[in-house]
Amino acid sequence: MIDSHCHLYFDTIRKNIDNIILNSKKHKIKTLLSINTDPSEFNDHLNLISKFNNIYISYGLHPNSVNENTNFTFEEYYK
């Protein structure tokens, strides 16, 4: 089973990530996609999950933070 939408970088979750990942394995969740909602937090978010080989991350901006001047450049994805 795959959890295709979780937020492992939220404060209450990241403080307890080891137990959360252990619990997900107990419930047969083999892969997780942690949704990044703030590009300025992406590298810290990536570092948080880097010790787990079954967690992937998305790069994005929460819809509530999007405005008419919101643009991403190709270079931002490869900082």
PDB file of N, CA and C in Angstrom:
ATOM      1  N   MET A   1       0.844  -1.169   0.000  1.00  0.00           N
ATOM      2  CA  MET A   1       0.000   0.000   0.000  1.00  0.00           C
ATOM      3  C   MET A   1       0.893   1.237   0.000  1.00  0.00           C
ATOM      4  N   ILE A   2       0.413   2.289  -0.636  1.00  0.00           N
ATOM      5  CA  ILE A   2       1.135   3.554  -0.734  1.00  0.00           C
ATOM      6  C   ILE A   2       0.282   4.663  -0.120  1.00  0.00           C
ATOM      7  N   ASP A   3       0.912   5.467   0.730  1.00  0.00           N
ATOM      8  CA  ASP A   3       0.269   6.689   1.200  1.00  0.00           C
ATOM      9  C   ASP A   3       0.707   7.768   0.223  1.00  0.00           C
ATOM     10  N   SER A   4      -0.195   8.196  -0.633  1.00  0.00           N
ATOM     11  CA  SER A   4       0.158   9.107  -1.710  1.00  0.00           C
ATOM     12  C   SER A   4       0.037  10.582  -1.333  1.00  0.00           C
ATOM     13  N   HIS A   5      -0.306  10.866  -0.071  1.00  0.00           N
ATOM     14  CA  HIS A   5      -0.430  12.266   0.330  1.00  0.00           C
ATOM     15  C   HIS A   5      -0.332  12.378   1.851  1.00  0.00           C
ATOM     16  N   CYS A   6       0.872  12.671   2.313  1.00  0.00           N
ATOM     17  CA  CYS A   6       1.060  12.922   3.744  1.00  0.00           C
ATOM     18  C   CYS A   6       1.959  14.138   3.906  1.00  0.00           C
ATOM     19  N   HIS A   7       1.977  14.686   5.101  1.00  0.00           N
ATOM     20  CA  HIS A   7       2.747  15.898   5.381  1.00  0.00           C
ATOM     21  C   HIS A   7       3.705  15.616   6.538  1.00  0.00           C
ATOM     22  N   LEU A   8       4.805  14.972   6.233  1.00  0.00           N
ATOM     23  CA  LEU A   8       5.742  14.564   7.282  1.00  0.00           C
ATOM     24  C   LEU A   8       6.542  15.725   7.846  1.00  0.00           C
ATOM     25  N   TYR A   9       6.491  16.884   7.209  1.00  0.00           N
ATOM     26  CA  TYR A   9       7.257  18.023   7.709  1.00  0.00           C
ATOM     27  C   TYR A   9       6.449  18.904   8.662  1.00  0.00           C
ATOM     28  N   PHE A  10       5.179  18.636   8.839  1.00  0.00           N
ATOM     29  CA  PHE A  10       4.403  19.404   9.817  1.00  0.00           C
ATOM     30  C   PHE A  10       5.030  19.228  11.194  1.00  0.00           C
ATOM     31  N   ASP A  11       5.008  20.283  12.008  1.00  0.00           N
ATOM     32  CA  ASP A  11       5.688  20.302  13.312  1.00  0.00           C
ATOM     33  C   ASP A  11       5.415  19.072  14.168  1.00  0.00           C
ATOM     34  N   THR A  12       4.160  18.769  14.388  1.00  0.00           N
ATOM     35  CA  THR A  12       3.820  17.663  15.294  1.00  0.00           C
ATOM     36  C   THR A  12       4.230  16.311  14.736  1.00  0.00           C
ATOM     37  N   ILE A  13       4.309  16.215  13.435  1.00  0.00           N
ATOM     38  CA  ILE A  13       4.662  14.938  12.810  1.00  0.00           C
ATOM     39  C   ILE A  13       6.171  14.749  12.748  1.00  0.00           C
ATOM     40  N   ARG A  14       6.893  15.767  12.297  1.00  0.00           N
ATOM     41  CA  ARG A  14       8.348  15.591  12.120  1.00  0.00           C
ATOM     42  C   ARG A  14       9.058  15.319  13.435  1.00  0.00           C
ATOM     43  N   LYS A  15       8.501  15.786  14.541  1.00  0.00           N
ATOM     44  CA  LYS A  15       9.099  15.524  15.853  1.00  0.00           C
ATOM     45  C   LYS A  15       8.971  14.057  16.249  1.00  0.00           C
ATOM     46  N   ASN A  16       8.071  13.349  15.595  1.00  0.00           N
ATOM     47  CA  ASN A  16       7.777  11.968  15.937  1.00  0.00           C
ATOM     48  C   ASN A  16       7.883  11.060  14.703  1.00  0.00           C
ATOM     49  N   ILE A  17       8.700  11.454  13.753  1.00  0.00           N
ATOM     50  CA  ILE A  17       8.718  10.777  12.457  1.00  0.00           C
ATOM     51  C   ILE A  17       9.123   9.308  12.562  1.00  0.00           C
ATOM     52  N   ASP A  18      10.067   8.981  13.412  1.00  0.00           N
ATOM     53  CA  ASP A  18      10.493   7.580  13.515  1.00  0.00           C
ATOM     54  C   ASP A  18       9.326   6.675  13.920  1.00  0.00           C
ATOM     55  N   ASN A  19       8.549   7.100  14.889  1.00  0.00           N
ATOM     56  CA  ASN A  19       7.387   6.310  15.320  1.00  0.00           C
ATOM     57  C   ASN A  19       6.297   6.271  14.256  1.00  0.00           C
ATOM     58  N   ILE A  20       6.127   7.352  13.554  1.00  0.00           N
ATOM     59  CA  ILE A  20       5.115   7.388  12.503  1.00  0.00           C
ATOM     60  C   ILE A  20       5.484   6.439  11.375  1.00  0.00           C
ATOM     61  N   ILE A  21       6.742   6.416  10.994  1.00  0.00           N
ATOM     62  CA  ILE A  21       7.186   5.513   9.933  1.00  0.00           C
ATOM     63  C   ILE A  21       7.088   4.065  10.400  1.00  0.00           C
ATOM     64  N   LEU A  22       7.466   3.804  11.626  1.00  0.00           N
ATOM     65  CA  LEU A  22       7.339   2.461  12.175  1.00  0.00           C
ATOM     66  C   LEU A  22       5.874   2.014  12.177  1.00  0.00           C
ATOM     67  N   ASN A  23       4.994   2.888  12.578  1.00  0.00           N
ATOM     68  CA  ASN A  23       3.572   2.582  12.604  1.00  0.00           C
ATOM     69  C   ASN A  23       3.029   2.340  11.195  1.00  0.00           C
ATOM     70  N   SER A  24       3.490   3.105  10.244  1.00  0.00           N
ATOM     71  CA  SER A  24       3.021   2.897   8.870  1.00  0.00           C
ATOM     72  C   SER A  24       3.464   1.533   8.352  1.00  0.00           C
ATOM     73  N   LYS A  25       4.672   1.116   8.695  1.00  0.00           N
ATOM     74  CA  LYS A  25       5.151  -0.209   8.284  1.00  0.00           C
ATOM     75  C   LYS A  25       4.321  -1.314   8.927  1.00  0.00           C
ATOM     76  N   LYS A  26       3.946  -1.120  10.179  1.00  0.00           N
ATOM     77  CA  LYS A  26       3.101  -2.102  10.870  1.00  0.00           C
ATOM     78  C   LYS A  26       1.757  -2.266  10.173  1.00  0.00           C
ATOM     79  N   HIS A  27       1.301  -1.205   9.523  1.00  0.00           N
ATOM     80  CA  HIS A  27       0.018  -1.236   8.825  1.00  0.00           C
ATOM     81  C   HIS A  27       0.192  -1.476   7.329  1.00  0.00           C
ATOM     82  N   LYS A  28       1.357  -2.009   6.972  1.00  0.00           N
ATOM     83  CA  LYS A  28       1.651  -2.447   5.600  1.00  0.00           C
ATOM     84  C   LYS A  28       1.674  -1.316   4.572  1.00  0.00           C
ATOM     85  N   ILE A  29       1.990  -0.124   5.022  1.00  0.00           N
ATOM     86  CA  ILE A  29       2.215   0.982   4.090  1.00  0.00           C
ATOM     87  C   ILE A  29       3.696   0.963   3.743  1.00  0.00           C
ATOM     88  N   LYS A  30       3.994   0.663   2.506  1.00  0.00           N
ATOM     89  CA  LYS A  30       5.378   0.449   2.102  1.00  0.00           C
ATOM     90  C   LYS A  30       6.048   1.698   1.554  1.00  0.00           C
ATOM     91  N   THR A  31       5.287   2.625   1.005  1.00  0.00           N
ATOM     92  CA  THR A  31       5.838   3.818   0.382  1.00  0.00           C
ATOM     93  C   THR A  31       4.985   5.017   0.764  1.00  0.00           C
ATOM     94  N   LEU A  32       5.648   6.165   0.950  1.00  0.00           N
ATOM     95  CA  LEU A  32       4.938   7.388   1.298  1.00  0.00           C
ATOM     96  C   LEU A  32       5.387   8.519   0.384  1.00  0.00           C
ATOM     97  N   LEU A  33       4.467   9.413   0.065  1.00  0.00           N
ATOM     98  CA  LEU A  33       4.774  10.632  -0.661  1.00  0.00           C
ATOM     99  C   LEU A  33       4.476  11.793   0.269  1.00  0.00           C
ATOM    100  N   SER A  34       5.526  12.447   0.735  1.00  0.00           N
ATOM    101  CA  SER A  34       5.369  13.584   1.633  1.00  0.00           C
ATOM    102  C   SER A  34       5.249  14.847   0.788  1.00  0.00           C
ATOM    103  N   ILE A  35       4.191  15.582   1.018  1.00  0.00           N
ATOM    104  CA  ILE A  35       3.869  16.746   0.199  1.00  0.00           C
ATOM    105  C   ILE A  35       4.522  17.989   0.793  1.00  0.00           C
ATOM    106  N   ASN A  36       5.399  18.599   0.011  1.00  0.00           N
ATOM    107  CA  ASN A  36       6.029  19.847   0.427  1.00  0.00           C
ATOM    108  C   ASN A  36       5.127  21.004  -0.004  1.00  0.00           C
ATOM    109  N   THR A  37       4.861  21.933   0.900  1.00  0.00           N
ATOM    110  CA  THR A  37       3.936  23.032   0.602  1.00  0.00           C
ATOM    111  C   THR A  37       4.603  24.396   0.611  1.00  0.00           C
ATOM    112  N   ASP A  38       5.910  24.427   0.839  1.00  0.00           N
ATOM    113  CA  ASP A  38       6.628  25.702   0.892  1.00  0.00           C
ATOM    114  C   ASP A  38       8.029  25.498   0.333  1.00  0.00           C
ATOM    115  N   PRO A  39       8.330  26.065  -0.830  1.00  0.00           N
ATOM    116  CA  PRO A  39       9.648  25.862  -1.427  1.00  0.00           C
ATOM    117  C   PRO A  39      10.808  26.249  -0.511  1.00  0.00           C
ATOM    118  N   SER A  40      10.606  27.206   0.379  1.00  0.00           N
ATOM    119  CA  SER A  40      11.690  27.611   1.277  1.00  0.00           C
ATOM    120  C   SER A  40      12.004  26.533   2.316  1.00  0.00           C
ATOM    121  N   GLU A  41      11.099  25.575   2.515  1.00  0.00           N
ATOM    122  CA  GLU A  41      11.310  24.478   3.461  1.00  0.00           C
ATOM    123  C   GLU A  41      11.746  23.184   2.784  1.00  0.00           C
ATOM    124  N   PHE A  42      11.841  23.213   1.454  1.00  0.00           N
ATOM    125  CA  PHE A  42      12.074  21.973   0.713  1.00  0.00           C
ATOM    126  C   PHE A  42      13.345  21.250   1.150  1.00  0.00           C
ATOM    127  N   ASN A  43      14.469  21.943   1.247  1.00  0.00           N
ATOM    128  CA  ASN A  43      15.723  21.266   1.594  1.00  0.00           C
ATOM    129  C   ASN A  43      15.689  20.668   2.992  1.00  0.00           C
ATOM    130  N   ASP A  44      15.111  21.363   3.960  1.00  0.00           N
ATOM    131  CA  ASP A  44      14.985  20.802   5.310  1.00  0.00           C
ATOM    132  C   ASP A  44      14.044  19.607   5.318  1.00  0.00           C
ATOM    133  N   HIS A  45      12.994  19.695   4.551  1.00  0.00           N
ATOM    134  CA  HIS A  45      12.034  18.593   4.425  1.00  0.00           C
ATOM    135  C   HIS A  45      12.733  17.376   3.811  1.00  0.00           C
ATOM    136  N   LEU A  46      13.490  17.617   2.756  1.00  0.00           N
ATOM    137  CA  LEU A  46      14.227  16.543   2.101  1.00  0.00           C
ATOM    138  C   LEU A  46      15.236  15.905   3.054  1.00  0.00           C
ATOM    139  N   ASN A  47      15.928  16.712   3.819  1.00  0.00           N
ATOM    140  CA  ASN A  47      16.881  16.180   4.810  1.00  0.00           C
ATOM    141  C   ASN A  47      16.190  15.332   5.859  1.00  0.00           C
ATOM    142  N   LEU A  48      15.005  15.740   6.275  1.00  0.00           N
ATOM    143  CA  LEU A  48      14.242  14.995   7.275  1.00  0.00           C
ATOM    144  C   LEU A  48      13.945  13.577   6.803  1.00  0.00           C
ATOM    145  N   ILE A  49      13.559  13.424   5.556  1.00  0.00           N
ATOM    146  CA  ILE A  49      13.145  12.112   5.064  1.00  0.00           C
ATOM    147  C   ILE A  49      14.278  11.321   4.422  1.00  0.00           C
ATOM    148  N   SER A  50      15.449  11.911   4.283  1.00  0.00           N
ATOM    149  CA  SER A  50      16.535  11.283   3.525  1.00  0.00           C
ATOM    150  C   SER A  50      17.030   9.970   4.124  1.00  0.00           C
ATOM    151  N   LYS A  51      16.828   9.748   5.399  1.00  0.00           N
ATOM    152  CA  LYS A  51      17.292   8.493   5.998  1.00  0.00           C
ATOM    153  C   LYS A  51      16.348   7.322   5.723  1.00  0.00           C
ATOM    154  N   PHE A  52      15.215   7.603   5.119  1.00  0.00           N
ATOM    155  CA  PHE A  52      14.239   6.566   4.804  1.00  0.00           C
ATOM    156  C   PHE A  52      14.245   6.321   3.298  1.00  0.00           C
ATOM    157  N   ASN A  53      14.383   5.081   2.899  1.00  0.00           N
ATOM    158  CA  ASN A  53      14.441   4.796   1.465  1.00  0.00           C
ATOM    159  C   ASN A  53      13.065   4.567   0.844  1.00  0.00           C
ATOM    160  N   ASN A  54      12.026   4.674   1.624  1.00  0.00           N
ATOM    161  CA  ASN A  54      10.680   4.436   1.100  1.00  0.00           C
ATOM    162  C   ASN A  54       9.809   5.695   1.111  1.00  0.00           C
ATOM    163  N   ILE A  55      10.436   6.852   1.296  1.00  0.00           N
ATOM    164  CA  ILE A  55       9.687   8.105   1.325  1.00  0.00           C
ATOM    165  C   ILE A  55      10.150   8.995   0.177  1.00  0.00           C
ATOM    166  N   TYR A  56       9.186   9.495  -0.561  1.00  0.00           N
ATOM    167  CA  TYR A  56       9.446  10.426  -1.650  1.00  0.00           C
ATOM    168  C   TYR A  56       8.853  11.778  -1.289  1.00  0.00           C
ATOM    169  N   ILE A  57       9.252  12.800  -2.020  1.00  0.00           N
ATOM    170  CA  ILE A  57       8.799  14.153  -1.706  1.00  0.00           C
ATOM    171  C   ILE A  57       8.329  14.852  -2.972  1.00  0.00           C
ATOM    172  N   SER A  58       7.341  15.705  -2.814  1.00  0.00           N
ATOM    173  CA  SER A  58       6.909  16.560  -3.921  1.00  0.00           C
ATOM    174  C   SER A  58       7.464  17.962  -3.687  1.00  0.00           C
ATOM    175  N   TYR A  59       7.549  18.722  -4.742  1.00  0.00           N
ATOM    176  CA  TYR A  59       7.985  20.119  -4.660  1.00  0.00           C
ATOM    177  C   TYR A  59       6.805  20.974  -5.067  1.00  0.00           C
ATOM    178  N   GLY A  60       6.364  21.828  -4.169  1.00  0.00           N
ATOM    179  CA  GLY A  60       5.229  22.650  -4.536  1.00  0.00           C
ATOM    180  C   GLY A  60       4.959  23.767  -3.560  1.00  0.00           C
ATOM    181  N   LEU A  61       3.897  24.450  -3.825  1.00  0.00           N
ATOM    182  CA  LEU A  61       3.456  25.581  -3.029  1.00  0.00           C
ATOM    183  C   LEU A  61       1.987  25.354  -2.692  1.00  0.00           C
ATOM    184  N   HIS A  62       1.645  25.546  -1.435  1.00  0.00           N
ATOM    185  CA  HIS A  62       0.254  25.344  -1.019  1.00  0.00           C
ATOM    186  C   HIS A  62      -0.650  26.293  -1.811  1.00  0.00           C
ATOM    187  N   PRO A  63      -1.794  25.812  -2.250  1.00  0.00           N
ATOM    188  CA  PRO A  63      -2.698  26.659  -3.046  1.00  0.00           C
ATOM    189  C   PRO A  63      -3.068  27.979  -2.371  1.00  0.00           C
ATOM    190  N   ASN A  64      -3.134  28.004  -1.052  1.00  0.00           N
ATOM    191  CA  ASN A  64      -3.457  29.254  -0.357  1.00  0.00           C
ATOM    192  C   ASN A  64      -2.348  30.290  -0.471  1.00  0.00           C
ATOM    193  N   SER A  65      -1.141  29.853  -0.866  1.00  0.00           N
ATOM    194  CA  SER A  65      -0.010  30.762  -0.986  1.00  0.00           C
ATOM    195  C   SER A  65       0.226  31.237  -2.419  1.00  0.00           C
ATOM    196  N   VAL A  66      -0.534  30.715  -3.352  1.00  0.00           N
ATOM    197  CA  VAL A  66      -0.370  31.082  -4.752  1.00  0.00           C
ATOM    198  C   VAL A  66      -1.063  32.407  -5.019  1.00  0.00           C
ATOM    199  N   ASN A  67      -0.379  33.272  -5.737  1.00  0.00           N
ATOM    200  CA  ASN A  67      -0.996  34.515  -6.180  1.00  0.00           C
ATOM    201  C   ASN A  67      -0.650  34.721  -7.653  1.00  0.00           C
ATOM    202  N   GLU A  68      -1.121  35.802  -8.224  1.00  0.00           N
ATOM    203  CA  GLU A  68      -0.916  36.008  -9.665  1.00  0.00           C
ATOM    204  C   GLU A  68       0.546  36.219 -10.026  1.00  0.00           C
ATOM    205  N   ASN A  69       1.400  36.494  -9.057  1.00  0.00           N
ATOM    206  CA  ASN A  69       2.820  36.704  -9.332  1.00  0.00           C
ATOM    207  C   ASN A  69       3.672  35.485  -8.988  1.00  0.00           C
ATOM    208  N   THR A  70       3.052  34.369  -8.676  1.00  0.00           N
ATOM    209  CA  THR A  70       3.782  33.170  -8.301  1.00  0.00           C
ATOM    210  C   THR A  70       4.291  32.472  -9.557  1.00  0.00           C
ATOM    211  N   ASN A  71       5.605  32.382  -9.664  1.00  0.00           N
ATOM    212  CA  ASN A  71       6.233  31.683 -10.778  1.00  0.00           C
ATOM    213  C   ASN A  71       7.392  30.856 -10.239  1.00  0.00           C
ATOM    214  N   PHE A  72       7.612  29.711 -10.839  1.00  0.00           N
ATOM    215  CA  PHE A  72       8.765  28.886 -10.523  1.00  0.00           C
ATOM    216  C   PHE A  72       9.642  28.824 -11.758  1.00  0.00           C
ATOM    217  N   THR A  73      10.929  28.833 -11.535  1.00  0.00           N
ATOM    218  CA  THR A  73      11.857  28.672 -12.643  1.00  0.00           C
ATOM    219  C   THR A  73      12.431  27.266 -12.603  1.00  0.00           C
ATOM    220  N   PHE A  74      12.904  26.826 -13.733  1.00  0.00           N
ATOM    221  CA  PHE A  74      13.504  25.498 -13.828  1.00  0.00           C
ATOM    222  C   PHE A  74      14.667  25.371 -12.849  1.00  0.00           C
ATOM    223  N   GLU A  75      15.437  26.417 -12.681  1.00  0.00           N
ATOM    224  CA  GLU A  75      16.611  26.397 -11.794  1.00  0.00           C
ATOM    225  C   GLU A  75      16.230  26.193 -10.335  1.00  0.00           C
ATOM    226  N   GLU A  76      15.060  26.646  -9.928  1.00  0.00           N
ATOM    227  CA  GLU A  76      14.629  26.482  -8.540  1.00  0.00           C
ATOM    228  C   GLU A  76      14.486  25.022  -8.151  1.00  0.00           C
ATOM    229  N   TYR A  77      14.150  24.182  -9.101  1.00  0.00           N
ATOM    230  CA  TYR A  77      13.979  22.768  -8.811  1.00  0.00           C
ATOM    231  C   TYR A  77      15.302  22.065  -8.534  1.00  0.00           C
ATOM    232  N   TYR A  78      16.386  22.664  -8.960  1.00  0.00           N
ATOM    233  CA  TYR A  78      17.694  21.999  -8.866  1.00  0.00           C
ATOM    234  C   TYR A  78      18.673  22.790  -8.017  1.00  0.00           C
ATOM    235  N   LYS A  79      18.187  23.426  -6.976  1.00  0.00           N
ATOM    236  CA  LYS A  79      19.062  24.181  -6.056  1.00  0.00           C
ATOM    237  C   LYS A  79      19.956  23.237  -5.310  1.00  0.00           C
TER     238      LYS A  79
END
